């Protein structure tokens, strides 16, 4: 029987590539994003190429009742979710005193509250069936404060902490939670977060969304709790525990700030 994956933020970047990977394995999909046109195009592509079933839900997940509305739509379809992939999220770049308050409020809601609510809604059914997989998109920013992206990094620290704790709680249930923590990726995130002028975005050769998605998907299937994409990124997350915290924050700012 085909596993059905629900993927948020599926119209572009890592979410889109995760949808293609799951479809290539014969899995059905429920794709959620704001851009209906892009979702329709992806639905047509995947159904034609892989002969699977794809349902789309056009929804702004930064809205208050969006998680419940998605859950209700899935229930109307009478579909059980085997893999829940909370990929949707975005960041912002700049001094906190100068960044847009409304954008940050919506970021907090999307990155934290919607992710938590969707997990809360779909998890009990996974536990009752004795199987299921959840992937939450963290970041290398989950591991330390990031000046000029303070709110974003704080939301991703929540994702990492929540995912690790929940995975531990679910031990023995047949359900696992994986926190995928990529670094900067060629996925549209840099543009959405207005990071084009940062040193890191300019100097670093970024991995592609497909590469990161494949890495995360395999880790989810294996039930790994936390995975960091990229050898260099993994070394950095380990090294941070050996360096005074204040120095880590200062070094992070030097890496990320504009020239």
C-alpha atoms as a PDB file:
ATOM      1  CA  UNK A   1       0.000   0.000   0.000  1.00  0.00           C
ATOM      2  CA  UNK A   2       1.325   3.470  -0.907  1.00  0.00           C
ATOM      3  CA  UNK A   3       2.371   5.797   1.887  1.00  0.00           C
ATOM      4  CA  UNK A   4       0.722   9.209   1.756  1.00  0.00           C
ATOM      5  CA  UNK A   5       2.858  12.224   2.639  1.00  0.00           C
ATOM      6  CA  UNK A   6       1.531  15.655   3.526  1.00  0.00           C
ATOM      7  CA  UNK A   7       4.130  18.278   2.666  1.00  0.00           C
ATOM      8  CA  UNK A   8       3.809  21.957   3.544  1.00  0.00           C
ATOM      9  CA  UNK A   9       5.615  24.609   1.542  1.00  0.00           C
ATOM     10  CA  UNK A  10       5.500  22.214  -1.397  1.00  0.00           C
ATOM     11  CA  UNK A  11       5.408  24.705  -4.270  1.00  0.00           C
ATOM     12  CA  UNK A  12       9.157  25.410  -4.364  1.00  0.00           C
ATOM     13  CA  UNK A  13      12.578  24.623  -2.954  1.00  0.00           C
ATOM     14  CA  UNK A  14      13.123  21.718  -0.590  1.00  0.00           C
ATOM     15  CA  UNK A  15       9.388  21.027  -0.253  1.00  0.00           C
ATOM     16  CA  UNK A  16       8.959  20.656  -4.005  1.00  0.00           C
ATOM     17  CA  UNK A  17      11.936  18.303  -4.222  1.00  0.00           C
ATOM     18  CA  UNK A  18      10.628  16.233  -1.310  1.00  0.00           C
ATOM     19  CA  UNK A  19       7.346  15.854  -3.197  1.00  0.00           C
ATOM     20  CA  UNK A  20       9.194  14.613  -6.289  1.00  0.00           C
ATOM     21  CA  UNK A  21      11.241  12.156  -4.242  1.00  0.00           C
ATOM     22  CA  UNK A  22       8.203  10.726  -2.478  1.00  0.00           C
ATOM     23  CA  UNK A  23       6.270  10.475  -5.745  1.00  0.00           C
ATOM     24  CA  UNK A  24       9.185   8.671  -7.414  1.00  0.00           C
ATOM     25  CA  UNK A  25       8.820   5.967  -4.780  1.00  0.00           C
ATOM     26  CA  UNK A  26       5.160   5.483  -5.638  1.00  0.00           C
ATOM     27  CA  UNK A  27       3.792   7.474  -2.708  1.00  0.00           C
ATOM     28  CA  UNK A  28       0.643   9.581  -2.843  1.00  0.00           C
ATOM     29  CA  UNK A  29       0.742  13.214  -1.784  1.00  0.00           C
ATOM     30  CA  UNK A  30      -1.155  16.052  -0.213  1.00  0.00           C
ATOM     31  CA  UNK A  31       0.648  19.272  -1.109  1.00  0.00           C
ATOM     32  CA  UNK A  32       0.065  22.477   0.828  1.00  0.00           C
ATOM     33  CA  UNK A  33       1.229  25.975  -0.111  1.00  0.00           C
ATOM     34  CA  UNK A  34      -0.154  29.428  -0.910  1.00  0.00           C
ATOM     35  CA  UNK A  35       0.537  29.361  -4.645  1.00  0.00           C
ATOM     36  CA  UNK A  36      -2.273  27.324  -6.226  1.00  0.00           C
ATOM     37  CA  UNK A  37      -0.922  27.728  -9.741  1.00  0.00           C
ATOM     38  CA  UNK A  38       2.422  26.170  -8.811  1.00  0.00           C
ATOM     39  CA  UNK A  39       0.681  23.393  -6.890  1.00  0.00           C
ATOM     40  CA  UNK A  40      -1.520  22.624  -9.899  1.00  0.00           C
ATOM     41  CA  UNK A  41       1.566  22.416 -12.122  1.00  0.00           C
ATOM     42  CA  UNK A  42       3.330  20.104  -9.700  1.00  0.00           C
ATOM     43  CA  UNK A  43       0.243  17.925  -9.332  1.00  0.00           C
ATOM     44  CA  UNK A  44       0.013  17.490 -13.106  1.00  0.00           C
ATOM     45  CA  UNK A  45       3.732  16.715 -13.366  1.00  0.00           C
ATOM     46  CA  UNK A  46       3.771  14.080 -10.633  1.00  0.00           C
ATOM     47  CA  UNK A  47       0.510  12.364 -11.540  1.00  0.00           C
ATOM     48  CA  UNK A  48       1.535  12.070 -15.184  1.00  0.00           C
ATOM     49  CA  UNK A  49       5.072  10.867 -14.476  1.00  0.00           C
ATOM     50  CA  UNK A  50       4.484   8.515 -11.550  1.00  0.00           C
ATOM     51  CA  UNK A  51       0.793   7.542 -11.817  1.00  0.00           C
ATOM     52  CA  UNK A  52       0.099   8.488  -8.214  1.00  0.00           C
ATOM     53  CA  UNK A  53      -2.671  10.497  -6.549  1.00  0.00           C
ATOM     54  CA  UNK A  54      -1.943  14.097  -5.607  1.00  0.00           C
ATOM     55  CA  UNK A  55      -4.313  16.392  -3.726  1.00  0.00           C
ATOM     56  CA  UNK A  56      -3.527  20.069  -3.309  1.00  0.00           C
ATOM     57  CA  UNK A  57      -4.572  22.468  -0.571  1.00  0.00           C
ATOM     58  CA  UNK A  58      -3.963  26.129  -1.290  1.00  0.00           C
ATOM     59  CA  UNK A  59      -3.506  27.705   2.132  1.00  0.00           C
ATOM     60  CA  UNK A  60      -1.566  30.495   3.822  1.00  0.00           C
ATOM     61  CA  UNK A  61      -0.189  28.640   6.825  1.00  0.00           C
ATOM     62  CA  UNK A  62       0.682  31.860   8.639  1.00  0.00           C
ATOM     63  CA  UNK A  63      -3.053  32.420   9.215  1.00  0.00           C
ATOM     64  CA  UNK A  64      -4.543  31.609  12.625  1.00  0.00           C
ATOM     65  CA  UNK A  65      -6.859  28.703  11.749  1.00  0.00           C
ATOM     66  CA  UNK A  66      -4.855  27.306   8.840  1.00  0.00           C
ATOM     67  CA  UNK A  67      -3.636  24.107  10.538  1.00  0.00           C
ATOM     68  CA  UNK A  68      -7.136  23.068  11.572  1.00  0.00           C
ATOM     69  CA  UNK A  69      -8.457  23.926   8.108  1.00  0.00           C
ATOM     70  CA  UNK A  70      -5.815  21.709   6.488  1.00  0.00           C
ATOM     71  CA  UNK A  71      -6.626  18.879   8.902  1.00  0.00           C
ATOM     72  CA  UNK A  72     -10.352  19.197   8.200  1.00  0.00           C
ATOM     73  CA  UNK A  73      -9.755  19.081   4.440  1.00  0.00           C
ATOM     74  CA  UNK A  74      -7.682  15.930   4.811  1.00  0.00           C
ATOM     75  CA  UNK A  75     -10.426  14.322   6.892  1.00  0.00           C
ATOM     76  CA  UNK A  76     -12.982  15.150   4.182  1.00  0.00           C
ATOM     77  CA  UNK A  77     -10.765  13.301   1.709  1.00  0.00           C
ATOM     78  CA  UNK A  78     -10.759  10.310   4.094  1.00  0.00           C
ATOM     79  CA  UNK A  79      -6.992   9.958   3.758  1.00  0.00           C
ATOM     80  CA  UNK A  80      -4.601   8.776   6.455  1.00  0.00           C
ATOM     81  CA  UNK A  81      -1.276  10.600   6.632  1.00  0.00           C
ATOM     82  CA  UNK A  82       1.755   8.338   6.928  1.00  0.00           C
ATOM     83  CA  UNK A  83       4.440  11.019   6.588  1.00  0.00           C
ATOM     84  CA  UNK A  84       3.939  14.573   7.856  1.00  0.00           C
ATOM     85  CA  UNK A  85       6.617  16.916   6.511  1.00  0.00           C
ATOM     86  CA  UNK A  86       6.494  20.367   8.089  1.00  0.00           C
ATOM     87  CA  UNK A  87       8.676  22.142   5.564  1.00  0.00           C
ATOM     88  CA  UNK A  88       6.949  25.540   5.255  1.00  0.00           C
ATOM     89  CA  UNK A  89       8.781  28.440   6.815  1.00  0.00           C
ATOM     90  CA  UNK A  90      10.723  31.591   6.028  1.00  0.00           C
ATOM     91  CA  UNK A  91      13.221  34.000   7.544  1.00  0.00           C
ATOM     92  CA  UNK A  92      14.126  37.670   7.609  1.00  0.00           C
ATOM     93  CA  UNK A  93      17.427  39.520   7.591  1.00  0.00           C
ATOM     94  CA  UNK A  94      18.361  42.788   9.260  1.00  0.00           C
ATOM     95  CA  UNK A  95      18.654  44.581  12.581  1.00  0.00           C
ATOM     96  CA  UNK A  96      15.710  43.652  14.805  1.00  0.00           C
ATOM     97  CA  UNK A  97      14.960  47.315  15.575  1.00  0.00           C
ATOM     98  CA  UNK A  98      14.481  47.936  11.840  1.00  0.00           C
ATOM     99  CA  UNK A  99      12.842  44.772  10.499  1.00  0.00           C
ATOM    100  CA  UNK A 100       9.136  44.469   9.708  1.00  0.00           C
ATOM    101  CA  UNK A 101       7.038  43.619  12.740  1.00  0.00           C
ATOM    102  CA  UNK A 102       4.164  42.054  10.782  1.00  0.00           C
ATOM    103  CA  UNK A 103       6.514  39.830   8.779  1.00  0.00           C
ATOM    104  CA  UNK A 104       8.159  38.600  11.976  1.00  0.00           C
ATOM    105  CA  UNK A 105       4.821  37.889  13.649  1.00  0.00           C
ATOM    106  CA  UNK A 106       3.727  35.804  10.679  1.00  0.00           C
ATOM    107  CA  UNK A 107       7.108  34.065  10.637  1.00  0.00           C
ATOM    108  CA  UNK A 108       6.742  33.066  14.284  1.00  0.00           C
ATOM    109  CA  UNK A 109       3.238  31.784  13.641  1.00  0.00           C
ATOM    110  CA  UNK A 110       4.258  29.765  10.578  1.00  0.00           C
ATOM    111  CA  UNK A 111       7.594  28.427  11.817  1.00  0.00           C
ATOM    112  CA  UNK A 112       6.375  27.514  15.308  1.00  0.00           C
ATOM    113  CA  UNK A 113       2.625  27.504  15.878  1.00  0.00           C
ATOM    114  CA  UNK A 114       1.416  25.989  12.602  1.00  0.00           C
ATOM    115  CA  UNK A 115       4.137  23.338  12.729  1.00  0.00           C
ATOM    116  CA  UNK A 116       3.146  22.439  16.294  1.00  0.00           C
ATOM    117  CA  UNK A 117      -0.574  22.379  15.561  1.00  0.00           C
ATOM    118  CA  UNK A 118      -0.249  20.193  12.483  1.00  0.00           C
ATOM    119  CA  UNK A 119       1.881  17.763  14.469  1.00  0.00           C
ATOM    120  CA  UNK A 120      -0.648  17.767  17.311  1.00  0.00           C
ATOM    121  CA  UNK A 121      -3.531  17.088  14.927  1.00  0.00           C
ATOM    122  CA  UNK A 122      -2.016  14.247  12.891  1.00  0.00           C
ATOM    123  CA  UNK A 123       0.125  12.542  15.548  1.00  0.00           C
ATOM    124  CA  UNK A 124      -2.606  10.700  17.530  1.00  0.00           C
ATOM    125  CA  UNK A 125      -3.714   8.784  14.434  1.00  0.00           C
ATOM    126  CA  UNK A 126      -0.129   7.743  13.719  1.00  0.00           C
ATOM    127  CA  UNK A 127       0.252   6.489  17.276  1.00  0.00           C
ATOM    128  CA  UNK A 128      -3.020   4.546  17.082  1.00  0.00           C
ATOM    129  CA  UNK A 129      -1.817   2.832  13.871  1.00  0.00           C
ATOM    130  CA  UNK A 130       1.589   2.139  15.378  1.00  0.00           C
ATOM    131  CA  UNK A 131       3.478   3.761  12.523  1.00  0.00           C
ATOM    132  CA  UNK A 132       4.254   7.140  11.025  1.00  0.00           C
ATOM    133  CA  UNK A 133       7.042   9.576  10.307  1.00  0.00           C
ATOM    134  CA  UNK A 134       7.295  13.298  10.911  1.00  0.00           C
ATOM    135  CA  UNK A 135       9.961  15.584   9.504  1.00  0.00           C
ATOM    136  CA  UNK A 136      10.347  19.136  10.783  1.00  0.00           C
ATOM    137  CA  UNK A 137      12.585  21.615   8.970  1.00  0.00           C
ATOM    138  CA  UNK A 138      15.092  23.097  11.328  1.00  0.00           C
ATOM    139  CA  UNK A 139      18.311  24.818  10.302  1.00  0.00           C
ATOM    140  CA  UNK A 140      21.948  25.145  11.226  1.00  0.00           C
ATOM    141  CA  UNK A 141      20.582  28.320  12.843  1.00  0.00           C
ATOM    142  CA  UNK A 142      18.794  26.024  15.309  1.00  0.00           C
ATOM    143  CA  UNK A 143      22.059  25.531  17.192  1.00  0.00           C
ATOM    144  CA  UNK A 144      23.034  29.093  18.131  1.00  0.00           C
ATOM    145  CA  UNK A 145      21.787  32.696  18.199  1.00  0.00           C
ATOM    146  CA  UNK A 146      22.169  34.435  14.843  1.00  0.00           C
ATOM    147  CA  UNK A 147      22.522  38.222  14.928  1.00  0.00           C
ATOM    148  CA  UNK A 148      20.616  39.908  12.074  1.00  0.00           C
ATOM    149  CA  UNK A 149      18.342  36.863  11.959  1.00  0.00           C
ATOM    150  CA  UNK A 150      17.506  36.676  15.648  1.00  0.00           C
ATOM    151  CA  UNK A 151      13.805  35.858  15.369  1.00  0.00           C
ATOM    152  CA  UNK A 152      14.297  33.285  12.619  1.00  0.00           C
ATOM    153  CA  UNK A 153      17.065  31.488  14.541  1.00  0.00           C
ATOM    154  CA  UNK A 154      14.907  31.476  17.676  1.00  0.00           C
ATOM    155  CA  UNK A 155      12.032  29.834  15.787  1.00  0.00           C
ATOM    156  CA  UNK A 156      14.377  27.182  14.432  1.00  0.00           C
ATOM    157  CA  UNK A 157      15.814  26.554  17.907  1.00  0.00           C
ATOM    158  CA  UNK A 158      12.229  25.791  18.936  1.00  0.00           C
ATOM    159  CA  UNK A 159      11.812  23.359  16.026  1.00  0.00           C
ATOM    160  CA  UNK A 160      14.961  21.468  17.007  1.00  0.00           C
ATOM    161  CA  UNK A 161      14.134  21.296  20.708  1.00  0.00           C
ATOM    162  CA  UNK A 162      10.505  20.323  20.092  1.00  0.00           C
ATOM    163  CA  UNK A 163      11.430  17.640  17.561  1.00  0.00           C
ATOM    164  CA  UNK A 164      14.068  16.017  19.764  1.00  0.00           C
ATOM    165  CA  UNK A 165      11.784  15.973  22.792  1.00  0.00           C
ATOM    166  CA  UNK A 166       8.851  14.568  20.834  1.00  0.00           C
ATOM    167  CA  UNK A 167      10.967  11.877  19.199  1.00  0.00           C
ATOM    168  CA  UNK A 168      12.013  10.742  22.673  1.00  0.00           C
ATOM    169  CA  UNK A 169       8.414  10.697  23.907  1.00  0.00           C
ATOM    170  CA  UNK A 170       7.406   8.534  20.949  1.00  0.00           C
ATOM    171  CA  UNK A 171       9.995   5.828  21.569  1.00  0.00           C
ATOM    172  CA  UNK A 172       8.348   2.433  21.142  1.00  0.00           C
ATOM    173  CA  UNK A 173       5.231   3.752  19.411  1.00  0.00           C
ATOM    174  CA  UNK A 174       6.372   3.116  15.833  1.00  0.00           C
ATOM    175  CA  UNK A 175       6.370   6.868  15.139  1.00  0.00           C
ATOM    176  CA  UNK A 176       9.563   8.879  14.702  1.00  0.00           C
ATOM    177  CA  UNK A 177      10.341  12.583  14.410  1.00  0.00           C
ATOM    178  CA  UNK A 178      13.276  13.881  12.397  1.00  0.00           C
ATOM    179  CA  UNK A 179      14.649  17.416  12.535  1.00  0.00           C
ATOM    180  CA  UNK A 180      16.366  18.211   9.238  1.00  0.00           C
ATOM    181  CA  UNK A 181      18.848  21.041   9.726  1.00  0.00           C
ATOM    182  CA  UNK A 182      20.324  22.347   6.465  1.00  0.00           C
ATOM    183  CA  UNK A 183      22.539  25.356   6.077  1.00  0.00           C
ATOM    184  CA  UNK A 184      21.928  27.957   3.403  1.00  0.00           C
ATOM    185  CA  UNK A 185      20.450  26.202   0.383  1.00  0.00           C
ATOM    186  CA  UNK A 186      19.792  27.192  -3.228  1.00  0.00           C
ATOM    187  CA  UNK A 187      16.052  27.085  -2.647  1.00  0.00           C
ATOM    188  CA  UNK A 188      14.665  30.612  -2.846  1.00  0.00           C
ATOM    189  CA  UNK A 189      15.148  31.094   0.908  1.00  0.00           C
ATOM    190  CA  UNK A 190      17.935  33.636   0.446  1.00  0.00           C
ATOM    191  CA  UNK A 191      15.691  35.889  -1.657  1.00  0.00           C
ATOM    192  CA  UNK A 192      12.668  35.464   0.630  1.00  0.00           C
ATOM    193  CA  UNK A 193      14.749  36.312   3.691  1.00  0.00           C
ATOM    194  CA  UNK A 194      16.381  39.310   1.953  1.00  0.00           C
ATOM    195  CA  UNK A 195      19.805  37.790   2.578  1.00  0.00           C
ATOM    196  CA  UNK A 196      21.257  38.589  -0.840  1.00  0.00           C
ATOM    197  CA  UNK A 197      23.773  41.040   0.621  1.00  0.00           C
ATOM    198  CA  UNK A 198      25.097  38.765   3.383  1.00  0.00           C
ATOM    199  CA  UNK A 199      28.691  37.530   3.135  1.00  0.00           C
ATOM    200  CA  UNK A 200      27.592  33.925   3.530  1.00  0.00           C
ATOM    201  CA  UNK A 201      25.113  34.058   0.661  1.00  0.00           C
ATOM    202  CA  UNK A 202      27.610  35.801  -1.623  1.00  0.00           C
ATOM    203  CA  UNK A 203      30.711  33.729  -0.953  1.00  0.00           C
ATOM    204  CA  UNK A 204      29.443  30.251  -0.280  1.00  0.00           C
ATOM    205  CA  UNK A 205      28.600  27.755  -3.022  1.00  0.00           C
ATOM    206  CA  UNK A 206      25.193  26.635  -1.861  1.00  0.00           C
ATOM    207  CA  UNK A 207      23.926  23.042  -2.090  1.00  0.00           C
ATOM    208  CA  UNK A 208      20.828  22.475  -4.181  1.00  0.00           C
ATOM    209  CA  UNK A 209      17.357  21.865  -2.790  1.00  0.00           C
ATOM    210  CA  UNK A 210      17.254  18.396  -4.388  1.00  0.00           C
ATOM    211  CA  UNK A 211      20.441  17.324  -2.610  1.00  0.00           C
ATOM    212  CA  UNK A 212      19.159  18.518   0.760  1.00  0.00           C
ATOM    213  CA  UNK A 213      15.724  16.960   0.214  1.00  0.00           C
ATOM    214  CA  UNK A 214      17.184  13.541  -0.639  1.00  0.00           C
ATOM    215  CA  UNK A 215      19.411  13.681   2.431  1.00  0.00           C
ATOM    216  CA  UNK A 216      16.484  14.584   4.679  1.00  0.00           C
ATOM    217  CA  UNK A 217      14.090  12.058   3.159  1.00  0.00           C
ATOM    218  CA  UNK A 218      16.532   9.193   3.693  1.00  0.00           C
ATOM    219  CA  UNK A 219      17.123  10.306   7.286  1.00  0.00           C
ATOM    220  CA  UNK A 220      13.367  10.411   7.919  1.00  0.00           C
ATOM    221  CA  UNK A 221      12.932   6.866   6.586  1.00  0.00           C
ATOM    222  CA  UNK A 222      15.676   5.700   8.961  1.00  0.00           C
ATOM    223  CA  UNK A 223      13.998   7.452  11.893  1.00  0.00           C
ATOM    224  CA  UNK A 224      17.008   9.623  12.740  1.00  0.00           C
ATOM    225  CA  UNK A 225      16.260  12.282  15.346  1.00  0.00           C
ATOM    226  CA  UNK A 226      18.505  15.133  14.144  1.00  0.00           C
ATOM    227  CA  UNK A 227      20.456  15.417  10.899  1.00  0.00           C
ATOM    228  CA  UNK A 228      22.632  18.287   9.701  1.00  0.00           C
ATOM    229  CA  UNK A 229      23.253  18.473   5.975  1.00  0.00           C
ATOM    230  CA  UNK A 230      26.825  19.003   4.833  1.00  0.00           C
ATOM    231  CA  UNK A 231      30.083  17.864   6.381  1.00  0.00           C
ATOM    232  CA  UNK A 232      31.209  21.438   7.059  1.00  0.00           C
ATOM    233  CA  UNK A 233      27.920  22.301   8.732  1.00  0.00           C
ATOM    234  CA  UNK A 234      28.152  19.210  10.948  1.00  0.00           C
ATOM    235  CA  UNK A 235      31.661  20.179  12.034  1.00  0.00           C
ATOM    236  CA  UNK A 236      30.498  23.688  12.879  1.00  0.00           C
ATOM    237  CA  UNK A 237      27.620  22.456  15.042  1.00  0.00           C
ATOM    238  CA  UNK A 238      30.028  20.223  16.964  1.00  0.00           C
ATOM    239  CA  UNK A 239      32.664  22.943  17.325  1.00  0.00           C
ATOM    240  CA  UNK A 240      30.135  25.390  18.759  1.00  0.00           C
ATOM    241  CA  UNK A 241      29.937  23.282  21.912  1.00  0.00           C
ATOM    242  CA  UNK A 242      33.666  23.737  22.461  1.00  0.00           C
ATOM    243  CA  UNK A 243      33.795  27.527  22.055  1.00  0.00           C
ATOM    244  CA  UNK A 244      32.539  30.190  24.519  1.00  0.00           C
ATOM    245  CA  UNK A 245      28.987  31.154  23.611  1.00  0.00           C
ATOM    246  CA  UNK A 246      29.734  34.857  23.267  1.00  0.00           C
ATOM    247  CA  UNK A 247      32.487  34.116  20.776  1.00  0.00           C
ATOM    248  CA  UNK A 248      30.130  31.885  18.758  1.00  0.00           C
ATOM    249  CA  UNK A 249      27.601  34.728  18.473  1.00  0.00           C
ATOM    250  CA  UNK A 250      30.270  37.219  17.382  1.00  0.00           C
ATOM    251  CA  UNK A 251      31.678  34.823  14.802  1.00  0.00           C
ATOM    252  CA  UNK A 252      28.196  34.072  13.481  1.00  0.00           C
ATOM    253  CA  UNK A 253      27.545  37.768  12.937  1.00  0.00           C
ATOM    254  CA  UNK A 254      30.806  38.207  11.037  1.00  0.00           C
ATOM    255  CA  UNK A 255      29.828  35.326   8.747  1.00  0.00           C
ATOM    256  CA  UNK A 256      26.357  36.595   8.019  1.00  0.00           C
ATOM    257  CA  UNK A 257      26.552  40.373   7.967  1.00  0.00           C
ATOM    258  CA  UNK A 258      26.716  42.387   4.771  1.00  0.00           C
ATOM    259  CA  UNK A 259      30.082  43.492   3.453  1.00  0.00           C
END
